[in-house]
C-alpha atoms as a PDB file:
ATOM      1  CA  UNK A   1      97.160 103.420  50.464  1.00  0.00           C
ATOM      2  CA  UNK A   2      98.506 100.446  52.334  1.00  0.00           C
ATOM      3  CA  UNK A   3      99.885 102.736  55.130  1.00  0.00           C
ATOM      4  CA  UNK A   4      96.163 103.838  55.503  1.00  0.00           C
ATOM      5  CA  UNK A   5      94.388 100.500  55.374  1.00  0.00           C
ATOM      6  CA  UNK A   6      97.109  99.533  57.873  1.00  0.00           C
ATOM      7  CA  UNK A   7      96.081 102.662  60.124  1.00  0.00           C
ATOM      8  CA  UNK A   8      92.333 102.041  59.864  1.00  0.00           C
ATOM      9  CA  UNK A   9      93.089  98.243  60.640  1.00  0.00           C
ATOM     10  CA  UNK A  10      94.915 100.017  63.882  1.00  0.00           C
ATOM     11  CA  UNK A  11      92.043 102.113  64.912  1.00  0.00           C
ATOM     12  CA  UNK A  12      89.672  99.281  64.691  1.00  0.00           C
ATOM     13  CA  UNK A  13      91.887  96.976  66.894  1.00  0.00           C
ATOM     14  CA  UNK A  14      91.218 100.028  69.613  1.00  0.00           C
ATOM     15  CA  UNK A  15      87.940  98.280  70.256  1.00  0.00           C
ATOM     16  CA  UNK A  16      87.247  94.974  71.644  1.00  0.00           C
ATOM     17  CA  UNK A  17      83.550  95.029  71.664  1.00  0.00           C
ATOM     18  CA  UNK A  18      81.438  91.736  71.614  1.00  0.00           C
ATOM     19  CA  UNK A  19      78.005  90.954  71.570  1.00  0.00           C
ATOM     20  CA  UNK A  20      75.506  91.842  74.851  1.00  0.00           C
ATOM     21  CA  UNK A  21      74.615  87.649  74.335  1.00  0.00           C
ATOM     22  CA  UNK A  22      77.966  87.057  75.345  1.00  0.00           C
ATOM     23  CA  UNK A  23      78.002  87.654  79.508  1.00  0.00           C
ATOM     24  CA  UNK A  24      80.201  86.400  82.397  1.00  0.00           C
ATOM     25  CA  UNK A  25      77.991  87.830  85.103  1.00  0.00           C
ATOM     26  CA  UNK A  26      75.083  89.486  86.599  1.00  0.00           C
ATOM     27  CA  UNK A  27      75.655  92.258  89.091  1.00  0.00           C
ATOM     28  CA  UNK A  28      75.091  90.765  92.731  1.00  0.00           C
ATOM     29  CA  UNK A  29      73.833  93.612  94.199  1.00  0.00           C
ATOM     30  CA  UNK A  30      70.865  96.093  93.392  1.00  0.00           C
ATOM     31  CA  UNK A  31      71.566  98.217  90.151  1.00  0.00           C
ATOM     32  CA  UNK A  32      69.283  99.923  88.178  1.00  0.00           C
ATOM     33  CA  UNK A  33      69.628  99.668  84.756  1.00  0.00           C
ATOM     34  CA  UNK A  34      68.487 101.173  81.247  1.00  0.00           C
ATOM     35  CA  UNK A  35      68.753 103.094  78.282  1.00  0.00           C
ATOM     36  CA  UNK A  36      69.534 106.536  77.789  1.00  0.00           C
ATOM     37  CA  UNK A  37      70.073 108.117  73.932  1.00  0.00           C
ATOM     38  CA  UNK A  38      70.940 104.983  73.059  1.00  0.00           C
ATOM     39  CA  UNK A  39      73.231 103.928  75.772  1.00  0.00           C
ATOM     40  CA  UNK A  40      73.044 101.172  78.086  1.00  0.00           C
ATOM     41  CA  UNK A  41      73.587 103.050  81.396  1.00  0.00           C
ATOM     42  CA  UNK A  42      74.205 101.329  85.009  1.00  0.00           C
ATOM     43  CA  UNK A  43      73.488 103.049  87.974  1.00  0.00           C
ATOM     44  CA  UNK A  44      74.754 101.034  91.680  1.00  0.00           C
ATOM     45  CA  UNK A  45      73.461 102.762  94.671  1.00  0.00           C
ATOM     46  CA  UNK A  46      76.077 103.153  97.460  1.00  0.00           C
ATOM     47  CA  UNK A  47      76.304 104.595 101.078  1.00  0.00           C
ATOM     48  CA  UNK A  48      73.822 107.672 101.107  1.00  0.00           C
ATOM     49  CA  UNK A  49      76.502 110.196 101.825  1.00  0.00           C
ATOM     50  CA  UNK A  50      79.034 108.568  99.767  1.00  0.00           C
ATOM     51  CA  UNK A  51      80.470 109.948  96.498  1.00  0.00           C
ATOM     52  CA  UNK A  52      79.309 109.654  92.754  1.00  0.00           C
ATOM     53  CA  UNK A  53      81.992 108.051  90.723  1.00  0.00           C
ATOM     54  CA  UNK A  54      81.473 107.716  87.056  1.00  0.00           C
ATOM     55  CA  UNK A  55      82.949 104.582  85.386  1.00  0.00           C
ATOM     56  CA  UNK A  56      84.550 104.543  82.193  1.00  0.00           C
ATOM     57  CA  UNK A  57      86.051 100.950  80.994  1.00  0.00           C
ATOM     58  CA  UNK A  58      88.237  99.784  79.060  1.00  0.00           C
ATOM     59  CA  UNK A  59      88.520  98.481  75.401  1.00  0.00           C
ATOM     60  CA  UNK A  60      87.637  94.926  76.055  1.00  0.00           C
ATOM     61  CA  UNK A  61      84.011  93.590  76.528  1.00  0.00           C
ATOM     62  CA  UNK A  62      80.825  95.469  77.788  1.00  0.00           C
ATOM     63  CA  UNK A  63      79.280  95.987  80.889  1.00  0.00           C
ATOM     64  CA  UNK A  64      78.164  92.164  81.694  1.00  0.00           C
ATOM     65  CA  UNK A  65      81.498  90.848  80.698  1.00  0.00           C
ATOM     66  CA  UNK A  66      84.624  90.312  81.426  1.00  0.00           C
ATOM     67  CA  UNK A  67      84.843  89.695  85.278  1.00  0.00           C
ATOM     68  CA  UNK A  68      87.277  91.684  86.350  1.00  0.00           C
ATOM     69  CA  UNK A  69      84.888  94.561  85.384  1.00  0.00           C
ATOM     70  CA  UNK A  70      82.478  92.904  87.984  1.00  0.00           C
ATOM     71  CA  UNK A  71      85.289  93.035  90.441  1.00  0.00           C
ATOM     72  CA  UNK A  72      85.761  96.654  89.906  1.00  0.00           C
ATOM     73  CA  UNK A  73      82.168  97.662  90.593  1.00  0.00           C
ATOM     74  CA  UNK A  74      82.453  95.691  93.668  1.00  0.00           C
ATOM     75  CA  UNK A  75      85.289  97.418  94.965  1.00  0.00           C
ATOM     76  CA  UNK A  76      83.781 100.416  94.367  1.00  0.00           C
ATOM     77  CA  UNK A  77      80.239 100.069  96.108  1.00  0.00           C
ATOM     78  CA  UNK A  78      82.464  98.318  98.955  1.00  0.00           C
ATOM     79  CA  UNK A  79      84.150 101.662  99.339  1.00  0.00           C
ATOM     80  CA  UNK A  80      80.978 103.592  99.026  1.00  0.00           C
ATOM     81  CA  UNK A  81      80.109 105.063  95.812  1.00  0.00           C
ATOM     82  CA  UNK A  82      77.293 105.757  93.928  1.00  0.00           C
ATOM     83  CA  UNK A  83      77.922 104.287  91.068  1.00  0.00           C
ATOM     84  CA  UNK A  84      77.591 105.217  87.040  1.00  0.00           C
ATOM     85  CA  UNK A  85      78.293 102.866  84.235  1.00  0.00           C
ATOM     86  CA  UNK A  86      78.067 102.613  80.805  1.00  0.00           C
ATOM     87  CA  UNK A  87      78.382 101.019  77.544  1.00  0.00           C
ATOM     88  CA  UNK A  88      79.924 102.833  74.955  1.00  0.00           C
ATOM     89  CA  UNK A  89      78.472 102.957  71.279  1.00  0.00           C
ATOM     90  CA  UNK A  90      78.693  99.855  69.570  1.00  0.00           C
ATOM     91  CA  UNK A  91      79.376  98.179  72.972  1.00  0.00           C
ATOM     92  CA  UNK A  92      76.546  95.681  74.489  1.00  0.00           C
ATOM     93  CA  UNK A  93      73.568  97.087  74.062  1.00  0.00           C
ATOM     94  CA  UNK A  94      74.544 100.536  73.193  1.00  0.00           C
ATOM     95  CA  UNK A  95      73.848 101.706  69.748  1.00  0.00           C
ATOM     96  CA  UNK A  96      75.875 102.934  67.295  1.00  0.00           C
ATOM     97  CA  UNK A  97      79.908 102.210  66.094  1.00  0.00           C
ATOM     98  CA  UNK A  98      82.862 102.955  68.047  1.00  0.00           C
ATOM     99  CA  UNK A  99      85.292 105.699  67.527  1.00  0.00           C
ATOM    100  CA  UNK A 100      87.528 107.560  69.396  1.00  0.00           C
ATOM    101  CA  UNK A 101      85.426 110.792  69.260  1.00  0.00           C
ATOM    102  CA  UNK A 102      82.042 108.675  69.587  1.00  0.00           C
ATOM    103  CA  UNK A 103      84.046 107.367  72.758  1.00  0.00           C
ATOM    104  CA  UNK A 104      83.967 110.996  73.864  1.00  0.00           C
ATOM    105  CA  UNK A 105      80.572 112.097  73.468  1.00  0.00           C
ATOM    106  CA  UNK A 106      78.820 108.920  75.168  1.00  0.00           C
ATOM    107  CA  UNK A 107      80.864 110.037  77.805  1.00  0.00           C
ATOM    108  CA  UNK A 108      79.571 113.367  78.117  1.00  0.00           C
ATOM    109  CA  UNK A 109      75.735 112.180  77.976  1.00  0.00           C
ATOM    110  CA  UNK A 110      76.229 110.279  81.212  1.00  0.00           C
ATOM    111  CA  UNK A 111      78.420 112.766  82.743  1.00  0.00           C
ATOM    112  CA  UNK A 112      75.303 115.417  82.212  1.00  0.00           C
ATOM    113  CA  UNK A 113      73.232 112.557  83.376  1.00  0.00           C
ATOM    114  CA  UNK A 114      75.030 111.410  86.593  1.00  0.00           C
ATOM    115  CA  UNK A 115      75.196 115.255  87.505  1.00  0.00           C
ATOM    116  CA  UNK A 116      71.718 115.884  87.027  1.00  0.00           C
ATOM    117  CA  UNK A 117      70.990 113.186  90.026  1.00  0.00           C
ATOM    118  CA  UNK A 118      74.300 113.908  92.343  1.00  0.00           C
ATOM    119  CA  UNK A 119      73.700 115.349  95.450  1.00  0.00           C
ATOM    120  CA  UNK A 120      74.781 118.980  96.072  1.00  0.00           C
ATOM    121  CA  UNK A 121      77.675 118.951  98.606  1.00  0.00           C
ATOM    122  CA  UNK A 122      78.828 115.168  97.830  1.00  0.00           C
ATOM    123  CA  UNK A 123      82.124 114.613  95.644  1.00  0.00           C
ATOM    124  CA  UNK A 124      82.167 113.443  91.900  1.00  0.00           C
ATOM    125  CA  UNK A 125      85.063 111.576  90.903  1.00  0.00           C
ATOM    126  CA  UNK A 126      85.523 110.346  87.552  1.00  0.00           C
ATOM    127  CA  UNK A 127      87.189 106.878  87.045  1.00  0.00           C
ATOM    128  CA  UNK A 128      88.805 105.153  83.835  1.00  0.00           C
ATOM    129  CA  UNK A 129      90.121 102.037  83.544  1.00  0.00           C
ATOM    130  CA  UNK A 130      93.164 101.277  80.504  1.00  0.00           C
ATOM    131  CA  UNK A 131      91.117 103.118  77.123  1.00  0.00           C
ATOM    132  CA  UNK A 132      88.499 104.173  79.928  1.00  0.00           C
ATOM    133  CA  UNK A 133      91.252 106.845  81.386  1.00  0.00           C
ATOM    134  CA  UNK A 134      91.644 108.098  78.119  1.00  0.00           C
ATOM    135  CA  UNK A 135      88.108 108.780  78.332  1.00  0.00           C
ATOM    136  CA  UNK A 136      88.084 109.843  81.719  1.00  0.00           C
ATOM    137  CA  UNK A 137      91.154 112.663  81.073  1.00  0.00           C
ATOM    138  CA  UNK A 138      89.034 114.082  78.112  1.00  0.00           C
ATOM    139  CA  UNK A 139      86.138 114.580  80.252  1.00  0.00           C
ATOM    140  CA  UNK A 140      87.705 115.820  83.560  1.00  0.00           C
ATOM    141  CA  UNK A 141      89.384 118.535  81.661  1.00  0.00           C
ATOM    142  CA  UNK A 142      86.101 119.429  78.802  1.00  0.00           C
ATOM    143  CA  UNK A 143      83.414 119.666  81.431  1.00  0.00           C
ATOM    144  CA  UNK A 144      83.109 120.995  85.226  1.00  0.00           C
ATOM    145  CA  UNK A 145      85.772 120.221  87.303  1.00  0.00           C
ATOM    146  CA  UNK A 146      85.642 116.677  89.071  1.00  0.00           C
ATOM    147  CA  UNK A 147      86.420 116.344  92.786  1.00  0.00           C
ATOM    148  CA  UNK A 148      89.042 114.103  91.463  1.00  0.00           C
ATOM    149  CA  UNK A 149      89.915 111.449  88.791  1.00  0.00           C
ATOM    150  CA  UNK A 150      91.149 108.364  89.287  1.00  0.00           C
ATOM    151  CA  UNK A 151      92.867 106.470  86.723  1.00  0.00           C
ATOM    152  CA  UNK A 152      94.003 102.557  86.284  1.00  0.00           C
ATOM    153  CA  UNK A 153      96.030 100.804  84.015  1.00  0.00           C
ATOM    154  CA  UNK A 154      96.469 103.668  81.511  1.00  0.00           C
ATOM    155  CA  UNK A 155      98.558 105.282  79.211  1.00  0.00           C
ATOM    156  CA  UNK A 156     100.502 108.778  77.433  1.00  0.00           C
ATOM    157  CA  UNK A 157      98.053 107.618  73.381  1.00  0.00           C
ATOM    158  CA  UNK A 158      97.032 104.847  71.978  1.00  0.00           C
ATOM    159  CA  UNK A 159      99.779 105.531  69.587  1.00  0.00           C
ATOM    160  CA  UNK A 160     102.541 104.986  72.367  1.00  0.00           C
ATOM    161  CA  UNK A 161     100.870 101.887  73.079  1.00  0.00           C
ATOM    162  CA  UNK A 162     100.950 100.022  69.980  1.00  0.00           C
ATOM    163  CA  UNK A 163     104.373 101.862  69.713  1.00  0.00           C
ATOM    164  CA  UNK A 164     105.274 100.061  72.727  1.00  0.00           C
ATOM    165  CA  UNK A 165     104.355  95.980  71.010  1.00  0.00           C
ATOM    166  CA  UNK A 166     105.220  96.852  67.348  1.00  0.00           C
ATOM    167  CA  UNK A 167     107.570  99.613  66.245  1.00  0.00           C
ATOM    168  CA  UNK A 168     106.702 103.420  67.092  1.00  0.00           C
ATOM    169  CA  UNK A 169     106.821 104.186  63.064  1.00  0.00           C
ATOM    170  CA  UNK A 170     104.179 101.598  62.421  1.00  0.00           C
ATOM    171  CA  UNK A 171     101.703 103.493  65.216  1.00  0.00           C
ATOM    172  CA  UNK A 172     102.362 106.967  62.916  1.00  0.00           C
ATOM    173  CA  UNK A 173      99.677 105.212  60.937  1.00  0.00           C
ATOM    174  CA  UNK A 174      96.938 105.631  63.169  1.00  0.00           C
ATOM    175  CA  UNK A 175      94.288 108.400  62.741  1.00  0.00           C
ATOM    176  CA  UNK A 176      93.073 107.668  66.482  1.00  0.00           C
ATOM    177  CA  UNK A 177      95.291 109.363  68.869  1.00  0.00           C
ATOM    178  CA  UNK A 178      93.481 108.767  72.399  1.00  0.00           C
ATOM    179  CA  UNK A 179      96.246 111.276  73.580  1.00  0.00           C
ATOM    180  CA  UNK A 180      95.950 111.931  77.552  1.00  0.00           C
ATOM    181  CA  UNK A 181      99.390 113.080  77.710  1.00  0.00           C
ATOM    182  CA  UNK A 182      98.485 116.490  75.870  1.00  0.00           C
ATOM    183  CA  UNK A 183      95.209 116.768  77.721  1.00  0.00           C
ATOM    184  CA  UNK A 184      96.105 115.911  81.250  1.00  0.00           C
ATOM    185  CA  UNK A 185      98.424 119.189  81.427  1.00  0.00           C
ATOM    186  CA  UNK A 186      95.109 120.952  81.369  1.00  0.00           C
ATOM    187  CA  UNK A 187      93.676 119.036  84.483  1.00  0.00           C
ATOM    188  CA  UNK A 188      92.685 121.249  87.194  1.00  0.00           C
ATOM    189  CA  UNK A 189      91.838 118.233  89.828  1.00  0.00           C
ATOM    190  CA  UNK A 190      93.306 115.730  91.644  1.00  0.00           C
ATOM    191  CA  UNK A 191      94.850 112.788  90.065  1.00  0.00           C
ATOM    192  CA  UNK A 192      95.221 109.402  91.575  1.00  0.00           C
ATOM    193  CA  UNK A 193      96.980 106.590  89.378  1.00  0.00           C
ATOM    194  CA  UNK A 194      97.338 102.549  90.160  1.00  0.00           C
ATOM    195  CA  UNK A 195      99.174 100.521  87.380  1.00  0.00           C
ATOM    196  CA  UNK A 196     100.805  97.319  87.679  1.00  0.00           C
ATOM    197  CA  UNK A 197     104.328  97.242  87.082  1.00  0.00           C
ATOM    198  CA  UNK A 198     104.265  93.921  85.425  1.00  0.00           C
ATOM    199  CA  UNK A 199     101.633  95.089  82.614  1.00  0.00           C
ATOM    200  CA  UNK A 200     102.311  93.910  79.316  1.00  0.00           C
ATOM    201  CA  UNK A 201      99.174  95.452  77.909  1.00  0.00           C
ATOM    202  CA  UNK A 202      99.830  98.998  78.377  1.00  0.00           C
ATOM    203  CA  UNK A 203     103.350  99.573  79.525  1.00  0.00           C
ATOM    204  CA  UNK A 204     104.051 100.424  83.414  1.00  0.00           C
ATOM    205  CA  UNK A 205     105.988 103.511  82.243  1.00  0.00           C
ATOM    206  CA  UNK A 206     103.714 104.714  79.923  1.00  0.00           C
ATOM    207  CA  UNK A 207     101.432 105.471  82.950  1.00  0.00           C
ATOM    208  CA  UNK A 208     104.125 106.550  84.860  1.00  0.00           C
ATOM    209  CA  UNK A 209     104.906 109.106  81.687  1.00  0.00           C
ATOM    210  CA  UNK A 210     101.610 110.025  82.289  1.00  0.00           C
ATOM    211  CA  UNK A 211     101.950 111.129  85.859  1.00  0.00           C
ATOM    212  CA  UNK A 212     104.710 112.712  85.313  1.00  0.00           C
ATOM    213  CA  UNK A 213     103.425 114.736  82.683  1.00  0.00           C
ATOM    214  CA  UNK A 214     100.639 116.387  85.259  1.00  0.00           C
ATOM    215  CA  UNK A 215     101.007 119.012  87.888  1.00  0.00           C
ATOM    216  CA  UNK A 216      97.713 117.885  89.741  1.00  0.00           C
ATOM    217  CA  UNK A 217      98.915 114.263  90.830  1.00  0.00           C
ATOM    218  CA  UNK A 218      98.400 113.211  94.749  1.00  0.00           C
ATOM    219  CA  UNK A 219      99.387 109.491  94.799  1.00  0.00           C
ATOM    220  CA  UNK A 220     100.466 106.861  92.852  1.00  0.00           C
ATOM    221  CA  UNK A 221     100.158 103.449  93.819  1.00  0.00           C
ATOM    222  CA  UNK A 222     102.726 100.290  92.004  1.00  0.00           C
ATOM    223  CA  UNK A 223     100.966  97.076  92.548  1.00  0.00           C
ATOM    224  CA  UNK A 224     104.392  94.888  91.577  1.00  0.00           C
ATOM    225  CA  UNK A 225     104.218  92.018  89.889  1.00  0.00           C
ATOM    226  CA  UNK A 226     100.881  92.660  88.525  1.00  0.00           C
ATOM    227  CA  UNK A 227      99.543  93.098  85.116  1.00  0.00           C
ATOM    228  CA  UNK A 228      97.046  94.210  83.171  1.00  0.00           C
ATOM    229  CA  UNK A 229      94.099  92.471  84.769  1.00  0.00           C
ATOM    230  CA  UNK A 230      95.081  91.152  88.472  1.00  0.00           C
ATOM    231  CA  UNK A 231      95.521  94.698  90.452  1.00  0.00           C
ATOM    232  CA  UNK A 232      93.127  93.887  92.954  1.00  0.00           C
ATOM    233  CA  UNK A 233      94.390  89.738  93.777  1.00  0.00           C
ATOM    234  CA  UNK A 234      97.968  90.872  93.279  1.00  0.00           C
ATOM    235  CA  UNK A 235      97.611  93.690  95.724  1.00  0.00           C
ATOM    236  CA  UNK A 236      96.384  91.507  98.378  1.00  0.00           C
ATOM    237  CA  UNK A 237      94.041  94.070 100.066  1.00  0.00           C
ATOM    238  CA  UNK A 238      95.956  97.699  99.236  1.00  0.00           C
ATOM    239  CA  UNK A 239      94.207  98.316  96.433  1.00  0.00           C
ATOM    240  CA  UNK A 240      90.892  98.388  98.269  1.00  0.00           C
ATOM    241  CA  UNK A 241      92.425  99.884 101.036  1.00  0.00           C
ATOM    242  CA  UNK A 242      93.854 102.379  98.262  1.00  0.00           C
ATOM    243  CA  UNK A 243      90.447 102.881  97.028  1.00  0.00           C
ATOM    244  CA  UNK A 244      88.805 104.012 100.089  1.00  0.00           C
ATOM    245  CA  UNK A 245      91.016 106.492 101.085  1.00  0.00           C
ATOM    246  CA  UNK A 246      91.075 107.967  97.536  1.00  0.00           C
ATOM    247  CA  UNK A 247      87.355 108.053  97.253  1.00  0.00           C
ATOM    248  CA  UNK A 248      87.020 109.755 100.857  1.00  0.00           C
ATOM    249  CA  UNK A 249      89.553 112.873  99.780  1.00  0.00           C
ATOM    250  CA  UNK A 250      92.439 111.415 102.051  1.00  0.00           C
ATOM    251  CA  UNK A 251      95.471 113.176 101.037  1.00  0.00           C
ATOM    252  CA  UNK A 252      97.549 112.589 104.007  1.00  0.00           C
ATOM    253  CA  UNK A 253      99.569 109.646 102.687  1.00  0.00           C
ATOM    254  CA  UNK A 254     101.818 108.802 100.231  1.00  0.00           C
ATOM    255  CA  UNK A 255     101.745 105.730  98.220  1.00  0.00           C
ATOM    256  CA  UNK A 256     104.667 103.636  95.978  1.00  0.00           C
ATOM    257  CA  UNK A 257     105.575 100.356  95.378  1.00  0.00           C
ATOM    258  CA  UNK A 258     102.687  98.864  96.570  1.00  0.00           C
ATOM    259  CA  UNK A 259     103.025 100.519 100.253  1.00  0.00           C
ATOM    260  CA  UNK A 260     102.168 102.648 102.242  1.00  0.00           C
ATOM    261  CA  UNK A 261     104.339 105.846 103.654  1.00  0.00           C
ATOM    262  CA  UNK A 262     103.109 107.886 106.521  1.00  0.00           C
END
């Protein structure tokens, strides 16, 4: 009974959703916002010939908080992406209570919408950050194969994250898994990953372990000394340069340890 209650507590800690009234920014560029099947959805148009990117955000805040989320959106916009983003159920203005399979279902709903408006012949890319990486991995292995999957600061499974924070035995009490390592073995599209070497929230070694478990990996960018929320600043421009190359489909270089090698 105690173990079950503790497991439920750890499950709830996966979601740091805060009231929609708490916000730190509004998008400084044109952004279409609307509700779709109970979810708040954003569409940020990019270049007319740019790829479609469906972004799955992390476990904390919502679309309008924190500022690092805005920075990701602006980076993708600058790279030419036609960006789709959304709040999971229970986040921001989206209706419901979050759960592992609820988040997967929300991503499917927005994916279907984005596909309907996606111009034929353009690249369609899934992008997942932190917990959203697990959502994006699940989506990429379930729906129509995307042209690429980009993962930032994500993990093998949420139980391994909790095990790294506390003790592995404690994590077994959880019912949520977000098991990307098991799913990524079925990935059929090119994989690109980025992770800070000093990430204390999602340890770097879990990102590398996920990368090693995938057979379709193209590039892994390690940002030296970066933590979980400062990749863009710590990379000193390499983040944006790399993102532009990945969105365009360039595959003629290797990235490791924060540097480009021809």
